Structures are given as structure tokens and as C-alpha cells.
């Protein structure tokens, strides 16, 4: 059973911009912050989950927050009804793993 109705992701360069995006995303909509991952060479992805509309709002708001700081969003996406097997990948990004 898939526990995520939707996933929202933003990737940008630098922790400051990712934190700004995550803050804006969580304030703009009823989403849960899953975590983040330092992808490579300073690119960092932040992941949230919630219903489709909330993830759409969160990602749009997060992208705008990064752009308002003068930074570039490398990529962003909302995945509606993600396949249950994606949970295997998402678990890697969990804040629980980061804080362990």
C-alpha cells in the first residue's frame, strides 16, 4: 500500500536556498517534510509529501522562494500517486536517517 498521495521535490544549488525552499513549502501547504539529499557538487534536493494539491502549492511556492533570492531552481516536480516501490528510494532521504 502506498502511503504517499503525492510527492513534491525541488532541486537547487546550496543549503541556504534549499532551507528557504523547504520553509516556504511547509508554510504554504499542508505537506510533510520528508528530508533532503546532497545530490552532487552542491546540488541539493528537498522532498515533501501530501495530497496532490498541497504538493503543487508547496512546490510552486518553494520554487518562487528560491528564485526570489536570486538563485536558480535546477529542477522541480510533483509526482501524483507515486508507485509504492518509490518508498524504497524515499526512505534514504528521511530526516530520521540524517539525524541518526
Foldseek 3Di string as FASTA:
>chain_A
DAPFQKKKKWKFFAPVLVVQLVVQLVVFAPWAWFAKDCDPPRIMMTMITDHQVSNVRSNVRSQVRSVVVVTHTPDIDMGGPDDRVCVVVSNVGGVVVVVD
